[in-house]
N, C-alpha and C. Protein backbone atom coordinates (compact mmCIF):
# COMPACT_ATOMS: atom_id res chain seq x y z
N MET A 1 -56.97 44.36 -8.56
CA MET A 1 -56.45 43.79 -7.24
C MET A 1 -56.13 44.96 -6.45
N SER A 2 -56.48 44.81 -5.06
CA SER A 2 -56.03 45.68 -4.11
C SER A 2 -55.78 44.83 -2.78
N GLY A 3 -54.72 45.00 -2.19
CA GLY A 3 -54.45 44.26 -1.03
C GLY A 3 -53.16 44.85 -0.41
N HIS A 4 -52.52 43.98 0.52
CA HIS A 4 -51.22 44.36 1.27
C HIS A 4 -50.36 43.25 1.08
N VAL A 5 -49.34 43.53 0.24
CA VAL A 5 -48.23 42.53 -0.02
C VAL A 5 -47.23 42.63 1.05
N VAL A 6 -46.78 41.55 1.65
CA VAL A 6 -45.70 41.47 2.62
C VAL A 6 -44.42 40.85 2.06
N LEU A 7 -43.29 41.46 2.12
CA LEU A 7 -42.12 40.78 1.55
C LEU A 7 -41.38 40.22 2.70
N LEU A 8 -41.06 38.88 2.63
CA LEU A 8 -40.40 38.21 3.73
C LEU A 8 -39.13 37.65 3.13
N GLY A 9 -38.08 37.37 4.04
CA GLY A 9 -36.88 36.74 3.61
C GLY A 9 -35.62 37.49 3.98
N ASP A 10 -34.84 37.80 2.92
CA ASP A 10 -33.48 38.31 3.21
C ASP A 10 -33.15 39.48 2.33
N SER A 11 -31.89 39.83 2.06
CA SER A 11 -31.54 41.09 1.41
C SER A 11 -31.85 41.19 -0.02
N ILE A 12 -32.36 40.15 -0.63
CA ILE A 12 -32.85 40.18 -1.90
C ILE A 12 -33.95 41.20 -2.00
N PHE A 13 -34.75 41.29 -0.94
CA PHE A 13 -35.84 42.32 -0.77
C PHE A 13 -35.37 43.43 0.05
N ASP A 14 -34.63 43.21 1.16
CA ASP A 14 -34.05 44.30 1.99
C ASP A 14 -32.73 44.81 1.48
N ASN A 15 -32.77 45.49 0.37
CA ASN A 15 -31.51 45.89 -0.36
C ASN A 15 -31.27 47.42 -0.30
N ALA A 16 -32.05 48.21 0.50
CA ALA A 16 -31.83 49.71 0.52
C ALA A 16 -30.44 50.12 0.72
N SER A 17 -29.83 49.45 1.56
CA SER A 17 -28.39 49.99 1.93
C SER A 17 -27.47 49.62 0.79
N TYR A 18 -27.75 48.90 -0.28
CA TYR A 18 -26.83 48.54 -1.28
C TYR A 18 -27.06 49.37 -2.59
N VAL A 19 -28.04 50.29 -2.64
CA VAL A 19 -28.30 50.92 -3.90
C VAL A 19 -27.86 52.34 -3.87
N SER A 20 -27.05 52.76 -3.04
CA SER A 20 -26.51 54.12 -3.01
C SER A 20 -27.48 55.17 -3.14
N GLY A 21 -28.54 55.21 -2.51
CA GLY A 21 -29.59 56.22 -2.59
C GLY A 21 -30.56 55.96 -3.75
N GLY A 22 -30.37 54.87 -4.49
CA GLY A 22 -31.36 54.62 -5.58
C GLY A 22 -32.55 53.84 -4.91
N MET A 23 -33.47 53.50 -5.75
CA MET A 23 -34.75 52.90 -5.23
C MET A 23 -34.42 51.44 -4.84
N SER A 24 -35.04 51.00 -3.78
CA SER A 24 -34.90 49.67 -3.29
C SER A 24 -36.09 48.75 -3.91
N VAL A 25 -36.06 47.50 -3.69
CA VAL A 25 -37.11 46.63 -4.17
C VAL A 25 -38.47 47.14 -3.66
N ILE A 26 -38.60 47.42 -2.37
CA ILE A 26 -39.96 47.75 -1.87
C ILE A 26 -40.39 49.11 -2.51
N ASP A 27 -39.48 50.14 -2.64
CA ASP A 27 -39.72 51.31 -3.36
C ASP A 27 -40.31 51.03 -4.78
N HIS A 28 -39.71 50.21 -5.49
CA HIS A 28 -40.11 49.83 -6.80
C HIS A 28 -41.52 49.16 -6.80
N LEU A 29 -41.64 48.28 -5.86
CA LEU A 29 -42.96 47.54 -5.70
C LEU A 29 -44.10 48.37 -5.48
N ARG A 30 -43.91 49.37 -4.55
CA ARG A 30 -44.95 50.24 -4.15
C ARG A 30 -45.42 51.07 -5.45
N ARG A 31 -44.49 51.38 -6.31
CA ARG A 31 -44.86 52.12 -7.53
C ARG A 31 -45.60 51.27 -8.45
N ARG A 32 -45.29 49.94 -8.50
CA ARG A 32 -45.91 49.05 -9.59
C ARG A 32 -47.31 48.36 -9.22
N LEU A 33 -47.55 48.35 -7.94
CA LEU A 33 -48.89 47.78 -7.50
C LEU A 33 -50.00 48.78 -7.80
N PRO A 34 -51.06 48.18 -8.12
CA PRO A 34 -52.32 48.98 -8.47
C PRO A 34 -52.65 50.08 -7.34
N SER A 35 -53.30 51.09 -7.77
CA SER A 35 -53.78 52.11 -6.81
C SER A 35 -54.65 51.44 -5.74
N GLY A 36 -54.39 51.80 -4.46
CA GLY A 36 -55.08 51.21 -3.38
C GLY A 36 -54.44 50.11 -2.68
N SER A 37 -53.37 49.62 -3.26
CA SER A 37 -52.58 48.44 -2.76
C SER A 37 -51.54 48.90 -1.87
N LYS A 38 -51.04 48.18 -0.94
CA LYS A 38 -49.96 48.46 -0.15
C LYS A 38 -48.79 47.41 -0.19
N ALA A 39 -47.62 47.76 0.24
CA ALA A 39 -46.58 46.79 0.35
C ALA A 39 -45.68 47.15 1.55
N SER A 40 -45.43 46.08 2.37
CA SER A 40 -44.59 46.24 3.58
C SER A 40 -43.31 45.30 3.39
N LEU A 41 -42.26 45.77 4.00
CA LEU A 41 -41.08 44.98 3.99
C LEU A 41 -40.81 44.34 5.52
N ARG A 42 -40.75 43.08 5.47
CA ARG A 42 -40.44 42.33 6.68
C ARG A 42 -39.08 41.60 6.60
N ALA A 43 -38.66 41.38 5.36
CA ALA A 43 -37.43 40.81 5.14
C ALA A 43 -36.27 41.49 5.70
N VAL A 44 -35.31 40.74 6.15
CA VAL A 44 -34.15 41.38 7.00
C VAL A 44 -32.80 40.82 6.22
N ASP A 45 -31.93 41.78 5.89
CA ASP A 45 -30.65 41.48 5.39
C ASP A 45 -29.92 40.44 6.29
N GLY A 46 -29.39 39.33 5.66
CA GLY A 46 -28.74 38.36 6.43
C GLY A 46 -29.48 37.17 6.82
N ALA A 47 -30.83 37.22 6.60
CA ALA A 47 -31.74 36.12 7.24
C ALA A 47 -31.54 34.84 6.50
N CYS A 48 -31.75 33.72 7.28
CA CYS A 48 -31.79 32.41 6.77
C CYS A 48 -33.13 31.93 6.96
N VAL A 49 -33.48 30.69 6.49
CA VAL A 49 -34.74 30.14 6.57
C VAL A 49 -35.39 30.16 8.00
N THR A 50 -34.71 29.87 8.99
CA THR A 50 -35.29 29.80 10.26
C THR A 50 -35.59 31.11 10.87
N ASN A 51 -34.99 32.22 10.35
CA ASN A 51 -35.24 33.58 10.79
C ASN A 51 -36.63 34.21 10.31
N VAL A 52 -37.18 33.56 9.33
CA VAL A 52 -38.43 34.19 8.73
C VAL A 52 -39.62 33.96 9.79
N TYR A 53 -39.62 32.91 10.61
CA TYR A 53 -40.57 32.88 11.64
C TYR A 53 -40.72 34.08 12.49
N ARG A 54 -39.60 34.80 12.87
CA ARG A 54 -39.64 35.95 13.67
C ARG A 54 -40.24 37.12 12.76
N GLN A 55 -39.97 37.09 11.60
CA GLN A 55 -40.55 38.16 10.72
C GLN A 55 -42.14 38.05 10.75
N LEU A 56 -42.57 36.87 10.89
CA LEU A 56 -44.02 36.77 10.88
C LEU A 56 -44.73 37.23 12.15
N GLN A 57 -43.86 37.46 13.12
CA GLN A 57 -44.45 38.02 14.40
C GLN A 57 -44.81 39.48 14.21
N GLN A 58 -44.36 40.15 13.30
CA GLN A 58 -44.63 41.69 13.02
C GLN A 58 -45.37 41.85 11.68
N LEU A 59 -46.39 41.08 11.42
CA LEU A 59 -47.18 41.18 10.17
C LEU A 59 -48.14 42.28 10.38
N PRO A 60 -48.45 43.07 9.25
CA PRO A 60 -49.54 44.08 9.31
C PRO A 60 -50.85 43.26 9.47
N ALA A 61 -51.82 43.84 10.26
CA ALA A 61 -53.08 43.04 10.43
C ALA A 61 -53.86 42.83 9.18
N ASP A 62 -53.50 43.72 8.11
CA ASP A 62 -54.47 43.60 6.88
C ASP A 62 -53.58 42.90 5.66
N ALA A 63 -52.54 42.15 6.09
CA ALA A 63 -51.76 41.51 5.05
C ALA A 63 -52.58 40.52 4.14
N THR A 64 -52.47 40.62 2.85
CA THR A 64 -53.22 39.72 1.95
C THR A 64 -52.39 38.77 1.16
N HIS A 65 -51.13 39.10 1.00
CA HIS A 65 -50.21 38.32 0.04
C HIS A 65 -48.87 38.19 0.74
N PHE A 66 -48.22 36.96 0.72
CA PHE A 66 -46.90 36.76 1.13
C PHE A 66 -45.99 36.57 -0.15
N VAL A 67 -44.81 37.23 -0.03
CA VAL A 67 -43.82 36.95 -1.07
C VAL A 67 -42.53 36.67 -0.40
N LEU A 68 -41.84 35.54 -0.76
CA LEU A 68 -40.76 35.00 0.07
C LEU A 68 -39.49 34.90 -0.80
N SER A 69 -38.36 35.34 -0.47
CA SER A 69 -37.15 35.19 -1.01
C SER A 69 -36.11 34.75 0.08
N ILE A 70 -35.76 33.44 0.12
CA ILE A 70 -34.92 32.94 1.16
C ILE A 70 -34.11 31.81 0.57
N GLY A 71 -32.94 31.54 1.29
CA GLY A 71 -32.17 30.44 0.86
C GLY A 71 -30.70 30.80 0.45
N GLY A 72 -30.59 32.10 0.00
CA GLY A 72 -29.25 32.48 -0.47
C GLY A 72 -28.21 32.41 0.58
N ASN A 73 -28.59 32.87 1.80
CA ASN A 73 -27.64 32.90 2.93
C ASN A 73 -27.47 31.52 3.50
N ASP A 74 -28.46 30.69 3.36
CA ASP A 74 -28.24 29.28 3.79
C ASP A 74 -27.28 28.57 2.88
N ALA A 75 -27.34 28.85 1.62
CA ALA A 75 -26.43 28.33 0.65
C ALA A 75 -25.00 28.96 0.86
N LEU A 76 -24.96 30.20 1.10
CA LEU A 76 -23.60 30.86 1.37
C LEU A 76 -22.84 30.21 2.50
N PHE A 77 -23.56 29.94 3.64
CA PHE A 77 -23.02 29.37 4.75
C PHE A 77 -22.67 28.00 4.51
N ALA A 78 -23.43 27.22 3.81
CA ALA A 78 -23.13 25.89 3.43
C ALA A 78 -21.80 25.73 2.60
N ALA A 79 -21.66 26.73 1.64
CA ALA A 79 -20.54 26.82 0.75
C ALA A 79 -19.36 27.01 1.63
N GLY A 80 -19.41 27.76 2.76
CA GLY A 80 -18.22 27.87 3.57
C GLY A 80 -17.69 26.65 4.08
N ASP A 81 -18.57 25.63 4.36
CA ASP A 81 -18.13 24.37 4.85
C ASP A 81 -17.72 23.46 3.65
N LEU A 82 -18.53 23.44 2.59
CA LEU A 82 -18.36 22.49 1.51
C LEU A 82 -17.15 22.83 0.73
N PHE A 83 -16.78 24.19 0.58
CA PHE A 83 -15.64 24.43 -0.35
C PHE A 83 -14.31 24.69 0.41
N THR A 84 -14.22 24.39 1.66
CA THR A 84 -13.10 24.59 2.50
C THR A 84 -12.43 23.20 2.95
N GLU A 85 -13.32 22.14 2.59
CA GLU A 85 -12.77 20.76 2.97
C GLU A 85 -11.66 20.39 2.09
N ASP A 86 -10.92 19.43 2.56
CA ASP A 86 -9.89 18.89 1.67
C ASP A 86 -10.48 18.15 0.50
N PRO A 87 -9.77 18.12 -0.60
CA PRO A 87 -10.40 17.49 -1.81
C PRO A 87 -10.75 16.04 -1.59
N GLN A 88 -11.93 15.67 -1.94
CA GLN A 88 -12.53 14.34 -1.79
C GLN A 88 -12.92 13.76 -3.10
N PRO A 89 -13.03 12.42 -3.26
CA PRO A 89 -13.54 11.82 -4.39
C PRO A 89 -14.98 12.40 -4.72
N LEU A 90 -15.29 12.51 -6.00
CA LEU A 90 -16.49 13.20 -6.44
C LEU A 90 -17.74 12.59 -5.81
N ALA A 91 -17.88 11.27 -5.73
CA ALA A 91 -19.06 10.62 -5.20
C ALA A 91 -19.17 11.04 -3.76
N GLN A 92 -18.03 11.11 -3.02
CA GLN A 92 -18.11 11.40 -1.48
C GLN A 92 -18.55 12.97 -1.35
N SER A 93 -17.96 13.80 -2.30
CA SER A 93 -18.39 15.21 -2.17
C SER A 93 -19.89 15.44 -2.50
N LEU A 94 -20.28 14.68 -3.56
CA LEU A 94 -21.80 14.85 -3.79
C LEU A 94 -22.59 14.27 -2.68
N GLU A 95 -22.24 13.34 -1.94
CA GLU A 95 -23.04 12.75 -0.75
C GLU A 95 -22.97 13.80 0.27
N ARG A 96 -21.91 14.46 0.56
CA ARG A 96 -21.86 15.47 1.64
C ARG A 96 -22.79 16.54 1.17
N THR A 97 -22.72 17.03 -0.02
CA THR A 97 -23.58 18.14 -0.58
C THR A 97 -25.09 17.71 -0.45
N ALA A 98 -25.37 16.44 -0.81
CA ALA A 98 -26.80 16.04 -0.79
C ALA A 98 -27.26 16.02 0.60
N HIS A 99 -26.42 15.76 1.61
CA HIS A 99 -26.89 15.72 3.08
C HIS A 99 -27.18 17.11 3.54
N VAL A 100 -26.32 18.19 3.06
CA VAL A 100 -26.57 19.48 3.49
C VAL A 100 -27.80 20.09 2.79
N VAL A 101 -28.04 19.78 1.49
CA VAL A 101 -29.24 20.31 0.80
C VAL A 101 -30.48 19.60 1.31
N GLU A 102 -30.47 18.42 1.64
CA GLU A 102 -31.57 17.63 2.26
C GLU A 102 -32.00 18.33 3.53
N GLN A 103 -31.14 18.70 4.35
CA GLN A 103 -31.48 19.50 5.51
C GLN A 103 -32.16 20.82 5.30
N PHE A 104 -31.50 21.58 4.35
CA PHE A 104 -32.12 22.85 3.82
C PHE A 104 -33.53 22.66 3.25
N ALA A 105 -33.73 21.65 2.48
CA ALA A 105 -34.97 21.43 1.84
C ALA A 105 -35.97 21.09 2.89
N GLN A 106 -35.75 20.36 3.85
CA GLN A 106 -36.66 20.14 4.91
C GLN A 106 -37.06 21.41 5.74
N GLU A 107 -36.05 22.20 6.03
CA GLU A 107 -36.44 23.51 6.75
C GLU A 107 -37.16 24.40 5.83
N HIS A 108 -36.84 24.45 4.56
CA HIS A 108 -37.57 25.39 3.69
C HIS A 108 -38.96 24.81 3.35
N ARG A 109 -39.17 23.58 3.31
CA ARG A 109 -40.50 22.88 3.13
C ARG A 109 -41.45 23.20 4.40
N GLU A 110 -40.81 23.04 5.54
CA GLU A 110 -41.59 23.29 6.75
C GLU A 110 -41.97 24.82 6.75
N LEU A 111 -41.05 25.67 6.40
CA LEU A 111 -41.51 27.06 6.37
C LEU A 111 -42.61 27.37 5.38
N LEU A 112 -42.57 26.79 4.26
CA LEU A 112 -43.71 26.93 3.30
C LEU A 112 -45.01 26.42 3.88
N ILE A 113 -44.87 25.26 4.42
CA ILE A 113 -46.13 24.63 5.04
C ILE A 113 -46.69 25.61 6.15
N HIS A 114 -45.73 26.21 6.87
CA HIS A 114 -46.21 27.25 7.92
C HIS A 114 -46.88 28.39 7.26
N LEU A 115 -46.36 28.95 6.12
CA LEU A 115 -46.83 30.08 5.50
C LEU A 115 -48.22 29.69 4.84
N LYS A 116 -48.30 28.54 4.31
CA LYS A 116 -49.60 28.15 3.69
C LYS A 116 -50.76 28.19 4.70
N GLN A 117 -50.45 27.83 6.01
CA GLN A 117 -51.46 27.81 6.96
C GLN A 117 -52.09 29.12 7.25
N TRP A 118 -51.42 30.15 6.79
CA TRP A 118 -52.01 31.52 6.90
C TRP A 118 -53.08 31.72 5.88
N GLU A 119 -53.29 30.84 5.01
CA GLU A 119 -54.24 30.94 3.98
C GLU A 119 -54.20 32.20 3.19
N LYS A 120 -53.14 32.62 2.82
CA LYS A 120 -52.92 33.78 1.83
C LYS A 120 -52.13 33.38 0.68
N PRO A 121 -52.35 34.00 -0.44
CA PRO A 121 -51.52 33.66 -1.63
C PRO A 121 -50.07 33.75 -1.32
N LEU A 122 -49.31 32.75 -1.75
CA LEU A 122 -47.92 32.75 -1.47
C LEU A 122 -47.06 32.66 -2.77
N VAL A 123 -46.14 33.56 -2.89
CA VAL A 123 -45.14 33.66 -4.04
C VAL A 123 -43.80 33.36 -3.42
N VAL A 124 -42.94 32.54 -4.11
CA VAL A 124 -41.70 32.09 -3.60
C VAL A 124 -40.63 32.22 -4.67
N CYS A 125 -39.47 32.80 -4.34
CA CYS A 125 -38.39 33.00 -5.31
C CYS A 125 -37.36 31.93 -5.16
N THR A 126 -36.70 31.67 -6.29
CA THR A 126 -35.45 30.88 -6.32
C THR A 126 -34.38 31.84 -5.99
N ILE A 127 -33.20 31.32 -5.95
CA ILE A 127 -31.90 32.07 -5.75
C ILE A 127 -31.32 32.42 -7.09
N TYR A 128 -31.03 33.68 -7.27
CA TYR A 128 -30.41 34.03 -8.52
C TYR A 128 -28.91 33.54 -8.52
N ASP A 129 -28.36 33.38 -9.82
CA ASP A 129 -27.00 32.84 -9.96
C ASP A 129 -26.16 33.41 -11.07
N HIS A 130 -26.52 34.72 -11.39
CA HIS A 130 -25.68 35.46 -12.40
C HIS A 130 -24.78 36.46 -11.55
N ILE A 131 -24.64 36.33 -10.34
CA ILE A 131 -23.71 37.18 -9.58
C ILE A 131 -22.35 37.14 -10.29
N PRO A 132 -21.77 38.31 -10.57
CA PRO A 132 -20.54 38.40 -11.34
C PRO A 132 -19.41 37.59 -10.69
N SER A 133 -19.26 37.59 -9.33
CA SER A 133 -18.17 36.91 -8.67
C SER A 133 -18.30 35.39 -8.47
N LEU A 134 -19.42 34.91 -8.99
CA LEU A 134 -19.77 33.62 -8.71
C LEU A 134 -18.97 32.56 -9.49
N SER A 135 -18.26 31.53 -8.79
CA SER A 135 -17.53 30.56 -9.53
C SER A 135 -18.36 29.61 -10.24
N PRO A 136 -17.88 28.87 -11.32
CA PRO A 136 -18.61 27.79 -11.88
C PRO A 136 -19.09 26.74 -10.80
N GLY A 137 -18.21 26.37 -9.94
CA GLY A 137 -18.55 25.40 -8.95
C GLY A 137 -19.70 25.90 -7.95
N GLU A 138 -19.56 27.18 -7.62
CA GLU A 138 -20.57 27.75 -6.72
C GLU A 138 -21.98 27.77 -7.48
N ARG A 139 -21.98 28.05 -8.73
CA ARG A 139 -23.21 28.15 -9.52
C ARG A 139 -23.72 26.75 -9.48
N ALA A 140 -22.94 25.70 -9.77
CA ALA A 140 -23.49 24.29 -9.70
C ALA A 140 -24.08 23.95 -8.36
N GLY A 141 -23.45 24.44 -7.40
CA GLY A 141 -23.96 24.15 -6.00
C GLY A 141 -25.28 24.80 -5.93
N LEU A 142 -25.43 26.04 -6.34
CA LEU A 142 -26.72 26.76 -6.19
C LEU A 142 -27.87 26.04 -6.99
N SER A 143 -27.51 25.37 -8.04
CA SER A 143 -28.57 24.71 -8.77
C SER A 143 -29.22 23.59 -7.95
N ILE A 144 -28.48 23.05 -7.09
CA ILE A 144 -28.92 22.01 -6.26
C ILE A 144 -29.85 22.52 -5.21
N PHE A 145 -29.58 23.64 -4.60
CA PHE A 145 -30.41 24.37 -3.66
C PHE A 145 -31.67 24.82 -4.45
N ASN A 146 -31.54 25.30 -5.61
CA ASN A 146 -32.75 25.74 -6.29
C ASN A 146 -33.66 24.61 -6.77
N ASP A 147 -33.05 23.49 -7.05
CA ASP A 147 -33.87 22.31 -7.28
C ASP A 147 -34.85 21.96 -6.06
N ALA A 148 -34.19 22.00 -4.88
CA ALA A 148 -34.93 21.82 -3.62
C ALA A 148 -36.04 22.85 -3.57
N ILE A 149 -35.79 24.09 -3.68
CA ILE A 149 -36.72 25.21 -3.52
C ILE A 149 -37.91 25.03 -4.61
N SER A 150 -37.50 24.73 -5.83
CA SER A 150 -38.53 24.58 -6.78
C SER A 150 -39.56 23.41 -6.55
N ARG A 151 -38.96 22.23 -6.05
CA ARG A 151 -39.81 21.14 -5.72
C ARG A 151 -40.74 21.47 -4.61
N ASN A 152 -40.22 22.23 -3.60
CA ASN A 152 -41.08 22.57 -2.55
C ASN A 152 -42.25 23.53 -3.02
N ILE A 153 -41.92 24.44 -3.82
CA ILE A 153 -42.90 25.52 -4.24
C ILE A 153 -44.02 24.70 -5.01
N PHE A 154 -43.69 23.84 -5.92
CA PHE A 154 -44.64 23.12 -6.72
C PHE A 154 -45.42 22.09 -5.88
N ARG A 155 -44.69 21.47 -4.95
CA ARG A 155 -45.47 20.51 -4.19
C ARG A 155 -46.46 21.15 -3.33
N LEU A 156 -46.21 22.48 -2.86
CA LEU A 156 -47.25 23.13 -1.87
C LEU A 156 -48.04 24.07 -2.56
N GLY A 157 -47.98 24.13 -3.98
CA GLY A 157 -48.96 25.01 -4.72
C GLY A 157 -48.69 26.50 -4.64
N ALA A 158 -47.52 26.86 -4.30
CA ALA A 158 -47.24 28.30 -4.44
C ALA A 158 -46.92 28.74 -5.85
N THR A 159 -46.74 30.12 -6.03
CA THR A 159 -46.40 30.55 -7.24
C THR A 159 -44.79 30.84 -7.30
N LEU A 160 -44.10 30.43 -8.28
CA LEU A 160 -42.63 30.49 -8.39
C LEU A 160 -42.20 31.69 -9.20
N ILE A 161 -41.26 32.49 -8.66
CA ILE A 161 -40.62 33.49 -9.37
C ILE A 161 -39.06 33.01 -9.57
N ASP A 162 -38.65 32.78 -10.79
CA ASP A 162 -37.35 32.19 -11.03
C ASP A 162 -36.41 33.45 -11.14
N LEU A 163 -35.75 33.87 -10.05
CA LEU A 163 -34.82 35.04 -10.09
C LEU A 163 -33.58 34.74 -10.97
N ARG A 164 -33.36 33.43 -11.28
CA ARG A 164 -32.26 33.23 -12.25
C ARG A 164 -32.48 33.86 -13.63
N LEU A 165 -33.79 33.81 -14.01
CA LEU A 165 -34.18 34.37 -15.32
C LEU A 165 -34.48 35.92 -15.16
N VAL A 166 -34.77 36.36 -13.93
CA VAL A 166 -35.15 37.83 -13.78
C VAL A 166 -33.90 38.58 -13.77
N CYS A 167 -32.91 38.28 -12.89
CA CYS A 167 -31.72 38.98 -12.75
C CYS A 167 -30.61 38.33 -13.56
N ASP A 168 -30.53 38.57 -14.79
CA ASP A 168 -29.70 37.88 -15.77
C ASP A 168 -28.57 38.77 -16.35
N ASP A 169 -28.42 40.06 -15.79
CA ASP A 169 -27.44 41.02 -16.29
C ASP A 169 -26.53 41.42 -15.15
N THR A 170 -25.28 41.55 -15.44
CA THR A 170 -24.36 41.91 -14.38
C THR A 170 -24.72 43.33 -13.76
N ARG A 171 -25.38 44.19 -14.49
CA ARG A 171 -25.95 45.40 -13.88
C ARG A 171 -26.98 45.20 -12.85
N ASP A 172 -27.72 44.08 -12.79
CA ASP A 172 -28.67 43.71 -11.81
C ASP A 172 -28.03 43.57 -10.44
N TYR A 173 -26.78 43.62 -10.29
CA TYR A 173 -26.11 43.32 -8.97
C TYR A 173 -25.43 44.57 -8.53
N ALA A 174 -25.49 44.88 -7.24
CA ALA A 174 -24.97 46.12 -6.68
C ALA A 174 -23.43 46.22 -6.70
N GLU A 175 -22.93 47.39 -6.96
CA GLU A 175 -21.45 47.56 -6.88
C GLU A 175 -20.97 47.59 -5.55
N ILE A 176 -21.62 47.87 -4.57
CA ILE A 176 -21.20 47.83 -3.14
C ILE A 176 -21.00 46.46 -2.74
N SER A 177 -21.93 45.51 -3.06
CA SER A 177 -21.86 44.17 -2.70
C SER A 177 -22.48 43.39 -3.83
N PRO A 178 -21.77 42.62 -4.62
CA PRO A 178 -22.29 42.07 -5.87
C PRO A 178 -23.15 40.86 -5.57
N ILE A 179 -23.33 40.44 -4.32
CA ILE A 179 -24.42 39.35 -4.18
C ILE A 179 -25.77 39.90 -3.94
N GLU A 180 -25.88 41.28 -3.91
CA GLU A 180 -27.15 41.94 -3.59
C GLU A 180 -27.65 42.60 -4.87
N PRO A 181 -29.02 42.77 -4.94
CA PRO A 181 -29.51 43.35 -6.20
C PRO A 181 -29.28 44.94 -6.22
N SER A 182 -28.94 45.45 -7.33
CA SER A 182 -28.74 46.84 -7.62
C SER A 182 -30.17 47.44 -7.78
N ALA A 183 -30.24 48.82 -8.05
CA ALA A 183 -31.50 49.43 -8.23
C ALA A 183 -32.18 48.89 -9.46
N GLN A 184 -31.27 48.51 -10.49
CA GLN A 184 -31.84 47.93 -11.74
C GLN A 184 -32.41 46.58 -11.37
N GLY A 185 -31.70 45.77 -10.71
CA GLY A 185 -32.16 44.50 -10.33
C GLY A 185 -33.35 44.52 -9.50
N GLY A 186 -33.43 45.55 -8.56
CA GLY A 186 -34.50 45.60 -7.69
C GLY A 186 -35.75 45.95 -8.46
N GLU A 187 -35.70 46.81 -9.54
CA GLU A 187 -36.73 47.14 -10.37
C GLU A 187 -37.34 45.85 -11.08
N LYS A 188 -36.37 45.00 -11.57
CA LYS A 188 -36.83 43.88 -12.22
C LYS A 188 -37.48 42.81 -11.34
N ILE A 189 -37.02 42.72 -10.10
CA ILE A 189 -37.58 41.90 -9.06
C ILE A 189 -38.99 42.26 -8.72
N ALA A 190 -39.14 43.71 -8.49
CA ALA A 190 -40.35 44.30 -8.16
C ALA A 190 -41.46 43.96 -9.33
N ARG A 191 -41.03 44.11 -10.54
CA ARG A 191 -41.89 43.90 -11.63
C ARG A 191 -42.32 42.48 -11.68
N ALA A 192 -41.53 41.54 -11.40
CA ALA A 192 -41.83 40.10 -11.32
C ALA A 192 -42.81 39.91 -10.23
N ILE A 193 -42.63 40.51 -9.20
CA ILE A 193 -43.58 40.34 -7.98
C ILE A 193 -44.85 40.79 -8.39
N ALA A 194 -44.91 42.00 -8.92
CA ALA A 194 -46.23 42.61 -9.21
C ALA A 194 -47.00 41.80 -10.24
N ASP A 195 -46.24 41.30 -11.27
CA ASP A 195 -46.81 40.36 -12.23
C ASP A 195 -47.35 39.14 -11.56
N ALA A 196 -46.68 38.60 -10.61
CA ALA A 196 -47.07 37.34 -10.00
C ALA A 196 -48.34 37.53 -9.19
N ILE A 197 -48.33 38.70 -8.40
CA ILE A 197 -49.48 39.00 -7.61
C ILE A 197 -50.78 39.09 -8.47
N LEU A 198 -50.67 39.86 -9.60
CA LEU A 198 -51.73 40.07 -10.47
C LEU A 198 -52.23 38.74 -11.18
N GLN A 199 -51.35 37.83 -11.33
CA GLN A 199 -51.71 36.57 -12.04
C GLN A 199 -52.13 35.45 -11.07
N ILE A 200 -52.11 35.71 -9.76
CA ILE A 200 -52.50 34.67 -8.82
C ILE A 200 -53.84 34.09 -9.30
N GLY A 201 -54.07 32.79 -9.29
CA GLY A 201 -55.29 32.27 -9.71
C GLY A 201 -55.46 31.86 -11.12
N SER A 202 -54.55 32.36 -11.97
CA SER A 202 -54.47 31.96 -13.30
C SER A 202 -53.76 30.71 -13.55
N PRO A 203 -53.85 30.03 -14.69
CA PRO A 203 -53.16 28.81 -14.82
C PRO A 203 -51.63 28.90 -14.85
N ARG A 204 -51.13 30.14 -15.11
CA ARG A 204 -49.72 30.22 -15.15
C ARG A 204 -49.13 30.40 -13.74
N ARG A 205 -48.20 29.47 -13.39
CA ARG A 205 -47.65 29.49 -11.98
C ARG A 205 -46.17 29.80 -12.04
N VAL A 206 -45.51 30.01 -13.09
CA VAL A 206 -44.13 30.40 -13.11
C VAL A 206 -43.95 31.80 -13.56
N ILE A 207 -43.29 32.64 -12.89
CA ILE A 207 -43.07 34.03 -13.37
C ILE A 207 -41.58 34.22 -13.59
N VAL A 208 -41.27 34.78 -14.76
CA VAL A 208 -39.87 35.03 -15.11
C VAL A 208 -39.79 36.44 -15.53
């Protein structure tokens, strides 16, 4: 395989400022891809689903593969609303959560449809959930967002990387900001991306 892999999304890929001089995801990926291949970073720290369209305006002309990690900031902003409301009955809380996730799922699905129109192999990540500071309630909330992400990925025929299984160690998260990948976490993410790119077209569609 030779080509030009473009990373889209948020700080899961754009993590250079969190690794204290260590290697970022894009650095690790460039080392792991086969000779003759290239990788470019278009992901931007803090991005949400709707911000990815702007990233697509600056694509390299020879881009051959898209890899997307998005949704963590959308979930983070949603949590700011959902977890600050006055206590409500469980059924009512779940209904409010379902409404928020349904809106996210639609925006995420529309983005994937747009990316598929470029007719390039597409790899999409879930949101990791082993962040050291994450509460059980927040982890449960993330599972609902990840369900929406996974459904969209399989519905549209993309390849899924489940970051919940990739970054499963507390050392995978940066000391500067525990919601970001550390150099170790970035290396594991880059390995999963390289494996996914190399296996495009094979029967296996889930990379862990």
